[in-house]
Amino acid sequence: MNTRLIRVGNSQGIVLPKKLLQQYHLTGEVDLQPTPEGLLITPVVKPRRQGWDERFQHALAQGQAPEGELLEGFADDFEDTEWQW
């Protein structure tokens, strides 16, 4: 597959066809690695919940109660008005 370099500001870029983006799961951030054969483009996969424990511990150290924030927005009478038994 051939494509052309296009001007993007002071740089240049390429447009990847939608089918390739879907096939190789390329969304958002990608990693570029130069290889002897050319340029390797791979998706950046960040572990889910990365950094959550550190943020939780920091919130606890500041005296916050994060578990209370999880229920924010629910009315006190939620169970009485919303649930059908």
PDB file of N, CA and C in Angstrom:
ATOM      1  N   MET A   1       0.843  -1.166   0.000  1.00  0.00           N
ATOM      2  CA  MET A   1       0.000   0.000   0.000  1.00  0.00           C
ATOM      3  C   MET A   1       0.897   1.240   0.000  1.00  0.00           C
ATOM      4  N   ASN A   2       0.673   2.109  -0.919  1.00  0.00           N
ATOM      5  CA  ASN A   2       1.428   3.357  -1.005  1.00  0.00           C
ATOM      6  C   ASN A   2       0.565   4.518  -0.527  1.00  0.00           C
ATOM      7  N   THR A   3       1.196   5.507   0.066  1.00  0.00           N
ATOM      8  CA  THR A   3       0.523   6.731   0.489  1.00  0.00           C
ATOM      9  C   THR A   3       1.521   7.868   0.372  1.00  0.00           C
ATOM     10  N   ARG A   4       1.072   9.076   0.511  1.00  0.00           N
ATOM     11  CA  ARG A   4       1.946  10.248   0.402  1.00  0.00           C
ATOM     12  C   ARG A   4       2.099  10.923   1.758  1.00  0.00           C
ATOM     13  N   LEU A   5       3.240  11.557   1.959  1.00  0.00           N
ATOM     14  CA  LEU A   5       3.436  12.405   3.125  1.00  0.00           C
ATOM     15  C   LEU A   5       2.678  13.699   2.872  1.00  0.00           C
ATOM     16  N   ILE A   6       2.008  14.201   3.898  1.00  0.00           N
ATOM     17  CA  ILE A   6       1.286  15.459   3.777  1.00  0.00           C
ATOM     18  C   ILE A   6       1.801  16.438   4.821  1.00  0.00           C
ATOM     19  N   ARG A   7       1.718  17.719   4.520  1.00  0.00           N
ATOM     20  CA  ARG A   7       2.183  18.750   5.446  1.00  0.00           C
ATOM     21  C   ARG A   7       1.168  18.908   6.566  1.00  0.00           C
ATOM     22  N   VAL A   8       1.673  18.888   7.805  1.00  0.00           N
ATOM     23  CA  VAL A   8       0.871  19.125   9.004  1.00  0.00           C
ATOM     24  C   VAL A   8       1.630  20.160   9.813  1.00  0.00           C
ATOM     25  N   GLY A   9       1.272  21.442   9.630  1.00  0.00           N
ATOM     26  CA  GLY A   9       2.012  22.518  10.283  1.00  0.00           C
ATOM     27  C   GLY A   9       3.433  22.548   9.760  1.00  0.00           C
ATOM     28  N   ASN A  10       4.416  22.502  10.661  1.00  0.00           N
ATOM     29  CA  ASN A  10       5.823  22.481  10.270  1.00  0.00           C
ATOM     30  C   ASN A  10       6.350  21.058  10.112  1.00  0.00           C
ATOM     31  N   SER A  11       5.480  20.070  10.273  1.00  0.00           N
ATOM     32  CA  SER A  11       5.873  18.665  10.186  1.00  0.00           C
ATOM     33  C   SER A  11       5.223  18.025   8.969  1.00  0.00           C
ATOM     34  N   GLN A  12       5.360  16.720   8.869  1.00  0.00           N
ATOM     35  CA  GLN A  12       4.688  15.958   7.834  1.00  0.00           C
ATOM     36  C   GLN A  12       4.060  14.733   8.471  1.00  0.00           C
ATOM     37  N   GLY A  13       3.025  14.200   7.839  1.00  0.00           N
ATOM     38  CA  GLY A  13       2.347  13.036   8.382  1.00  0.00           C
ATOM     39  C   GLY A  13       1.791  12.183   7.269  1.00  0.00           C
ATOM     40  N   ILE A  14       1.172  11.088   7.663  1.00  0.00           N
ATOM     41  CA  ILE A  14       0.503  10.215   6.706  1.00  0.00           C
ATOM     42  C   ILE A  14      -0.919   9.971   7.198  1.00  0.00           C
ATOM     43  N   VAL A  15      -1.802   9.683   6.269  1.00  0.00           N
ATOM     44  CA  VAL A  15      -3.177   9.334   6.612  1.00  0.00           C
ATOM     45  C   VAL A  15      -3.291   7.828   6.489  1.00  0.00           C
ATOM     46  N   LEU A  16      -3.722   7.187   7.574  1.00  0.00           N
ATOM     47  CA  LEU A  16      -3.898   5.737   7.568  1.00  0.00           C
ATOM     48  C   LEU A  16      -5.351   5.410   7.263  1.00  0.00           C
ATOM     49  N   PRO A  17      -5.593   4.487   6.352  1.00  0.00           N
ATOM     50  CA  PRO A  17      -6.975   4.115   6.040  1.00  0.00           C
ATOM     51  C   PRO A  17      -7.698   3.539   7.261  1.00  0.00           C
ATOM     52  N   LYS A  18      -9.005   3.797   7.325  1.00  0.00           N
ATOM     53  CA  LYS A  18      -9.826   3.349   8.442  1.00  0.00           C
ATOM     54  C   LYS A  18      -9.716   1.838   8.656  1.00  0.00           C
ATOM     55  N   LYS A  19      -9.653   1.080   7.579  1.00  0.00           N
ATOM     56  CA  LYS A  19      -9.575  -0.377   7.684  1.00  0.00           C
ATOM     57  C   LYS A  19      -8.302  -0.815   8.429  1.00  0.00           C
ATOM     58  N   LEU A  20      -7.172  -0.157   8.149  1.00  0.00           N
ATOM     59  CA  LEU A  20      -5.922  -0.481   8.861  1.00  0.00           C
ATOM     60  C   LEU A  20      -6.018  -0.095  10.334  1.00  0.00           C
ATOM     61  N   LEU A  21      -6.610   1.078  10.602  1.00  0.00           N
ATOM     62  CA  LEU A  21      -6.762   1.512  11.990  1.00  0.00           C
ATOM     63  C   LEU A  21      -7.573   0.499  12.781  1.00  0.00           C
ATOM     64  N   GLN A  22      -8.649   0.004  12.192  1.00  0.00           N
ATOM     65  CA  GLN A  22      -9.490  -0.979  12.868  1.00  0.00           C
ATOM     66  C   GLN A  22      -8.779  -2.323  13.002  1.00  0.00           C
ATOM     67  N   GLN A  23      -8.127  -2.754  11.940  1.00  0.00           N
ATOM     68  CA  GLN A  23      -7.470  -4.060  11.937  1.00  0.00           C
ATOM     69  C   GLN A  23      -6.381  -4.155  12.999  1.00  0.00           C
ATOM     70  N   TYR A  24      -5.645  -3.056  13.192  1.00  0.00           N
ATOM     71  CA  TYR A  24      -4.527  -3.081  14.137  1.00  0.00           C
ATOM     72  C   TYR A  24      -4.846  -2.358  15.444  1.00  0.00           C
ATOM     73  N   HIS A  25      -6.120  -2.024  15.651  1.00  0.00           N
ATOM     74  CA  HIS A  25      -6.593  -1.409  16.895  1.00  0.00           C
ATOM     75  C   HIS A  25      -5.796  -0.149  17.230  1.00  0.00           C
ATOM     76  N   LEU A  26      -5.630   0.723  16.256  1.00  0.00           N
ATOM     77  CA  LEU A  26      -4.895   1.965  16.451  1.00  0.00           C
ATOM     78  C   LEU A  26      -5.891   3.083  16.737  1.00  0.00           C
ATOM     79  N   THR A  27      -5.889   3.550  17.975  1.00  0.00           N
ATOM     80  CA  THR A  27      -6.725   4.674  18.380  1.00  0.00           C
ATOM     81  C   THR A  27      -5.937   5.516  19.352  1.00  0.00           C
ATOM     82  N   GLY A  28      -6.131   6.808  19.319  1.00  0.00           N
ATOM     83  CA  GLY A  28      -5.481   7.682  20.288  1.00  0.00           C
ATOM     84  C   GLY A  28      -3.967   7.662  20.169  1.00  0.00           C
ATOM     85  N   GLU A  29      -3.315   7.119  21.160  1.00  0.00           N
ATOM     86  CA  GLU A  29      -1.854   7.143  21.230  1.00  0.00           C
ATOM     87  C   GLU A  29      -1.249   5.885  20.603  1.00  0.00           C
ATOM     88  N   VAL A  30      -0.192   6.086  19.806  1.00  0.00           N
ATOM     89  CA  VAL A  30       0.531   4.974  19.190  1.00  0.00           C
ATOM     90  C   VAL A  30       2.009   5.101  19.504  1.00  0.00           C
ATOM     91  N   ASP A  31       2.719   3.995  19.390  1.00  0.00           N
ATOM     92  CA  ASP A  31       4.161   3.960  19.616  1.00  0.00           C
ATOM     93  C   ASP A  31       4.844   3.798  18.266  1.00  0.00           C
ATOM     94  N   LEU A  32       5.872   4.591  18.006  1.00  0.00           N
ATOM     95  CA  LEU A  32       6.641   4.505  16.768  1.00  0.00           C
ATOM     96  C   LEU A  32       8.028   3.965  17.083  1.00  0.00           C
ATOM     97  N   GLN A  33       8.417   2.903  16.404  1.00  0.00           N
ATOM     98  CA  GLN A  33       9.732   2.288  16.597  1.00  0.00           C
ATOM     99  C   GLN A  33      10.434   2.181  15.249  1.00  0.00           C
ATOM    100  N   PRO A  34      11.602   2.836  15.108  1.00  0.00           N
ATOM    101  CA  PRO A  34      12.367   2.643  13.872  1.00  0.00           C
ATOM    102  C   PRO A  34      12.965   1.240  13.843  1.00  0.00           C
ATOM    103  N   THR A  35      12.886   0.592  12.697  1.00  0.00           N
ATOM    104  CA  THR A  35      13.464  -0.737  12.518  1.00  0.00           C
ATOM    105  C   THR A  35      14.298  -0.706  11.236  1.00  0.00           C
ATOM    106  N   PRO A  36      15.143  -1.694  11.025  1.00  0.00           N
ATOM    107  CA  PRO A  36      15.918  -1.730   9.779  1.00  0.00           C
ATOM    108  C   PRO A  36      15.017  -1.774   8.533  1.00  0.00           C
ATOM    109  N   GLU A  37      13.826  -2.339   8.677  1.00  0.00           N
ATOM    110  CA  GLU A  37      12.914  -2.450   7.534  1.00  0.00           C
ATOM    111  C   GLU A  37      12.068  -1.204   7.326  1.00  0.00           C
ATOM    112  N   GLY A  38      11.925  -0.364   8.341  1.00  0.00           N
ATOM    113  CA  GLY A  38      11.080   0.822   8.230  1.00  0.00           C
ATOM    114  C   GLY A  38      10.579   1.255   9.592  1.00  0.00           C
ATOM    115  N   LEU A  39       9.391   1.785   9.624  1.00  0.00           N
ATOM    116  CA  LEU A  39       8.813   2.316  10.847  1.00  0.00           C
ATOM    117  C   LEU A  39       7.707   1.380  11.328  1.00  0.00           C
ATOM    118  N   LEU A  40       7.779   0.955  12.584  1.00  0.00           N
ATOM    119  CA  LEU A  40       6.779   0.075  13.183  1.00  0.00           C
ATOM    120  C   LEU A  40       5.834   0.926  14.028  1.00  0.00           C
ATOM    121  N   ILE A  41       4.536   0.845  13.754  1.00  0.00           N
ATOM    122  CA  ILE A  41       3.515   1.583  14.496  1.00  0.00           C
ATOM    123  C   ILE A  41       2.692   0.576  15.284  1.00  0.00           C
ATOM    124  N   THR A  42       2.660   0.733  16.611  1.00  0.00           N
ATOM    125  CA  THR A  42       1.889  -0.179  17.454  1.00  0.00           C
ATOM    126  C   THR A  42       1.002   0.633  18.408  1.00  0.00           C
ATOM    127  N   PRO A  43      -0.145   0.066  18.795  1.00  0.00           N
ATOM    128  CA  PRO A  43      -1.012   0.782  19.741  1.00  0.00           C
ATOM    129  C   PRO A  43      -0.368   0.833  21.122  1.00  0.00           C
ATOM    130  N   VAL A  44      -0.622   1.924  21.836  1.00  0.00           N
ATOM    131  CA  VAL A  44      -0.181   2.032  23.225  1.00  0.00           C
ATOM    132  C   VAL A  44      -1.317   1.496  24.081  1.00  0.00           C
ATOM    133  N   VAL A  45      -1.033   0.435  24.822  1.00  0.00           N
ATOM    134  CA  VAL A  45      -2.038  -0.179  25.686  1.00  0.00           C
ATOM    135  C   VAL A  45      -1.633   0.093  27.124  1.00  0.00           C
ATOM    136  N   LYS A  46      -2.426   0.929  27.782  1.00  0.00           N
ATOM    137  CA  LYS A  46      -2.153   1.248  29.181  1.00  0.00           C
ATOM    138  C   LYS A  46      -2.971   0.307  30.055  1.00  0.00           C
ATOM    139  N   PRO A  47      -2.361  -0.214  31.106  1.00  0.00           N
ATOM    140  CA  PRO A  47      -3.124  -1.088  31.998  1.00  0.00           C
ATOM    141  C   PRO A  47      -4.309  -0.332  32.589  1.00  0.00           C
ATOM    142  N   ARG A  48      -5.440  -1.019  32.670  1.00  0.00           N
ATOM    143  CA  ARG A  48      -6.622  -0.399  33.267  1.00  0.00           C
ATOM    144  C   ARG A  48      -6.350  -0.096  34.728  1.00  0.00           C
ATOM    145  N   ARG A  49      -6.921   0.990  35.153  1.00  0.00           N
ATOM    146  CA  ARG A  49      -6.821   1.427  36.544  1.00  0.00           C
ATOM    147  C   ARG A  49      -5.389   1.743  36.954  1.00  0.00           C
ATOM    148  N   GLN A  50      -4.548   2.077  35.984  1.00  0.00           N
ATOM    149  CA  GLN A  50      -3.163   2.419  36.300  1.00  0.00           C
ATOM    150  C   GLN A  50      -3.143   3.675  37.168  1.00  0.00           C
ATOM    151  N   GLY A  51      -2.482   3.604  38.305  1.00  0.00           N
ATOM    152  CA  GLY A  51      -2.352   4.738  39.202  1.00  0.00           C
ATOM    153  C   GLY A  51      -3.496   4.917  40.186  1.00  0.00           C
ATOM    154  N   TRP A  52      -4.518   4.067  40.098  1.00  0.00           N
ATOM    155  CA  TRP A  52      -5.651   4.211  41.002  1.00  0.00           C
ATOM    156  C   TRP A  52      -5.243   4.032  42.453  1.00  0.00           C
ATOM    157  N   ASP A  53      -4.407   3.042  42.733  1.00  0.00           N
ATOM    158  CA  ASP A  53      -4.029   2.777  44.124  1.00  0.00           C
ATOM    159  C   ASP A  53      -3.287   3.969  44.722  1.00  0.00           C
ATOM    160  N   GLU A  54      -2.382   4.570  43.940  1.00  0.00           N
ATOM    161  CA  GLU A  54      -1.634   5.727  44.441  1.00  0.00           C
ATOM    162  C   GLU A  54      -2.574   6.888  44.737  1.00  0.00           C
ATOM    163  N   ARG A  55      -3.540   7.130  43.837  1.00  0.00           N
ATOM    164  CA  ARG A  55      -4.489   8.223  44.059  1.00  0.00           C
ATOM    165  C   ARG A  55      -5.381   7.938  45.269  1.00  0.00           C
ATOM    166  N   PHE A  56      -5.773   6.676  45.437  1.00  0.00           N
ATOM    167  CA  PHE A  56      -6.601   6.302  46.576  1.00  0.00           C
ATOM    168  C   PHE A  56      -5.841   6.528  47.882  1.00  0.00           C
ATOM    169  N   GLN A  57      -4.593   6.078  47.929  1.00  0.00           N
ATOM    170  CA  GLN A  57      -3.786   6.254  49.134  1.00  0.00           C
ATOM    171  C   GLN A  57      -3.559   7.738  49.428  1.00  0.00           C
ATOM    172  N   HIS A  58      -3.361   8.537  48.390  1.00  0.00           N
ATOM    173  CA  HIS A  58      -3.175   9.978  48.562  1.00  0.00           C
ATOM    174  C   HIS A  58      -4.451  10.612  49.132  1.00  0.00           C
ATOM    175  N   ALA A  59      -5.613  10.196  48.620  1.00  0.00           N
ATOM    176  CA  ALA A  59      -6.889  10.730  49.113  1.00  0.00           C
ATOM    177  C   ALA A  59      -7.092  10.362  50.581  1.00  0.00           C
ATOM    178  N   LEU A  60      -6.764   9.129  50.939  1.00  0.00           N
ATOM    179  CA  LEU A  60      -6.893   8.707  52.340  1.00  0.00           C
ATOM    180  C   LEU A  60      -5.968   9.512  53.234  1.00  0.00           C
ATOM    181  N   ALA A  61      -4.747   9.771  52.771  1.00  0.00           N
ATOM    182  CA  ALA A  61      -3.781  10.529  53.562  1.00  0.00           C
ATOM    183  C   ALA A  61      -4.256  11.962  53.789  1.00  0.00           C
ATOM    184  N   GLN A  62      -5.064  12.482  52.882  1.00  0.00           N
ATOM    185  CA  GLN A  62      -5.599  13.845  53.025  1.00  0.00           C
ATOM    186  C   GLN A  62      -6.908  13.868  53.797  1.00  0.00           C
ATOM    187  N   GLY A  63      -7.341  12.711  54.288  1.00  0.00           N
ATOM    188  CA  GLY A  63      -8.552  12.650  55.086  1.00  0.00           C
ATOM    189  C   GLY A  63      -9.830  12.570  54.273  1.00  0.00           C
ATOM    190  N   GLN A  64      -9.727  12.331  52.984  1.00  0.00           N
ATOM    191  CA  GLN A  64     -10.919  12.217  52.151  1.00  0.00           C
ATOM    192  C   GLN A  64     -11.505  10.821  52.291  1.00  0.00           C
ATOM    193  N   ALA A  65     -12.777  10.703  52.027  1.00  0.00           N
ATOM    194  CA  ALA A  65     -13.453   9.411  52.051  1.00  0.00           C
ATOM    195  C   ALA A  65     -13.955   9.110  50.646  1.00  0.00           C
ATOM    196  N   PRO A  66     -13.108   8.576  49.771  1.00  0.00           N
ATOM    197  CA  PRO A  66     -13.505   8.338  48.379  1.00  0.00           C
ATOM    198  C   PRO A  66     -14.745   7.477  48.227  1.00  0.00           C
ATOM    199  N   GLU A  67     -14.982   6.555  49.161  1.00  0.00           N
ATOM    200  CA  GLU A  67     -16.153   5.697  49.023  1.00  0.00           C
ATOM    201  C   GLU A  67     -17.444   6.507  49.060  1.00  0.00           C
ATOM    202  N   GLY A  68     -17.438   7.625  49.754  1.00  0.00           N
ATOM    203  CA  GLY A  68     -18.622   8.479  49.780  1.00  0.00           C
ATOM    204  C   GLY A  68     -18.881   9.125  48.438  1.00  0.00           C
ATOM    205  N   GLU A  69     -17.841   9.432  47.692  1.00  0.00           N
ATOM    206  CA  GLU A  69     -17.982  10.061  46.390  1.00  0.00           C
ATOM    207  C   GLU A  69     -18.598   9.108  45.375  1.00  0.00           C
ATOM    208  N   LEU A  70     -18.459   7.808  45.591  1.00  0.00           N
ATOM    209  CA  LEU A  70     -19.022   6.858  44.645  1.00  0.00           C
ATOM    210  C   LEU A  70     -20.545   6.912  44.627  1.00  0.00           C
ATOM    211  N   LEU A  71     -21.147   7.279  45.734  1.00  0.00           N
ATOM    212  CA  LEU A  71     -22.599   7.317  45.836  1.00  0.00           C
ATOM    213  C   LEU A  71     -23.166   8.708  45.592  1.00  0.00           C
ATOM    214  N   GLU A  72     -22.308   9.657  45.249  1.00  0.00           N
ATOM    215  CA  GLU A  72     -22.746  11.027  45.028  1.00  0.00           C
ATOM    216  C   GLU A  72     -23.769  11.075  43.897  1.00  0.00           C
ATOM    217  N   GLY A  73     -24.829  11.826  44.099  1.00  0.00           N
ATOM    218  CA  GLY A  73     -25.846  11.947  43.071  1.00  0.00           C
ATOM    219  C   GLY A  73     -27.057  11.065  43.296  1.00  0.00           C
ATOM    220  N   PHE A  74     -26.963  10.107  44.195  1.00  0.00           N
ATOM    221  CA  PHE A  74     -28.105   9.260  44.506  1.00  0.00           C
ATOM    222  C   PHE A  74     -28.908   9.906  45.637  1.00  0.00           C
ATOM    223  N   ALA A  75     -30.207   9.917  45.477  1.00  0.00           N
ATOM    224  CA  ALA A  75     -31.071  10.464  46.523  1.00  0.00           C
ATOM    225  C   ALA A  75     -31.136   9.480  47.687  1.00  0.00           C
ATOM    226  N   ASP A  76     -31.438  10.008  48.871  1.00  0.00           N
ATOM    227  CA  ASP A  76     -31.552   9.148  50.052  1.00  0.00           C
ATOM    228  C   ASP A  76     -32.692   8.148  49.905  1.00  0.00           C
ATOM    229  N   ASP A  77     -33.723   8.521  49.149  1.00  0.00           N
ATOM    230  CA  ASP A  77     -34.868   7.629  48.997  1.00  0.00           C
ATOM    231  C   ASP A  77     -34.771   6.800  47.719  1.00  0.00           C
ATOM    232  N   PHE A  78     -33.588   6.603  47.213  1.00  0.00           N
ATOM    233  CA  PHE A  78     -33.380   5.883  45.957  1.00  0.00           C
ATOM    234  C   PHE A  78     -34.027   4.506  45.980  1.00  0.00           C
ATOM    235  N   GLU A  79     -33.779   3.740  47.030  1.00  0.00           N
ATOM    236  CA  GLU A  79     -34.318   2.374  47.091  1.00  0.00           C
ATOM    237  C   GLU A  79     -35.840   2.378  47.167  1.00  0.00           C
ATOM    238  N   ASP A  80     -36.412   3.359  47.834  1.00  0.00           N
ATOM    239  CA  ASP A  80     -37.864   3.397  47.986  1.00  0.00           C
ATOM    240  C   ASP A  80     -38.568   3.787  46.690  1.00  0.00           C
ATOM    241  N   THR A  81     -37.933   4.634  45.876  1.00  0.00           N
ATOM    242  CA  THR A  81     -38.617   5.148  44.690  1.00  0.00           C
ATOM    243  C   THR A  81     -38.218   4.466  43.389  1.00  0.00           C
ATOM    244  N   GLU A  82     -37.027   3.896  43.302  1.00  0.00           N
ATOM    245  CA  GLU A  82     -36.533   3.387  42.044  1.00  0.00           C
ATOM    246  C   GLU A  82     -36.640   1.874  41.883  1.00  0.00           C
ATOM    247  N   TRP A  83     -36.620   1.120  42.947  1.00  0.00           N
ATOM    248  CA  TRP A  83     -36.609  -0.339  42.852  1.00  0.00           C
ATOM    249  C   TRP A  83     -38.014  -0.894  42.808  1.00  0.00           C
ATOM    250  N   GLN A  84     -38.218  -1.862  41.964  1.00  0.00           N
ATOM    251  CA  GLN A  84     -39.494  -2.570  41.888  1.00  0.00           C
ATOM    252  C   GLN A  84     -39.245  -3.991  42.411  1.00  0.00           C
ATOM    253  N   TRP A  85     -39.948  -4.390  43.459  1.00  0.00           N
ATOM    254  CA  TRP A  85     -39.766  -5.728  44.016  1.00  0.00           C
ATOM    255  C   TRP A  85     -40.932  -6.587  43.675  1.00  0.00           C
TER     256      TRP A  85
END
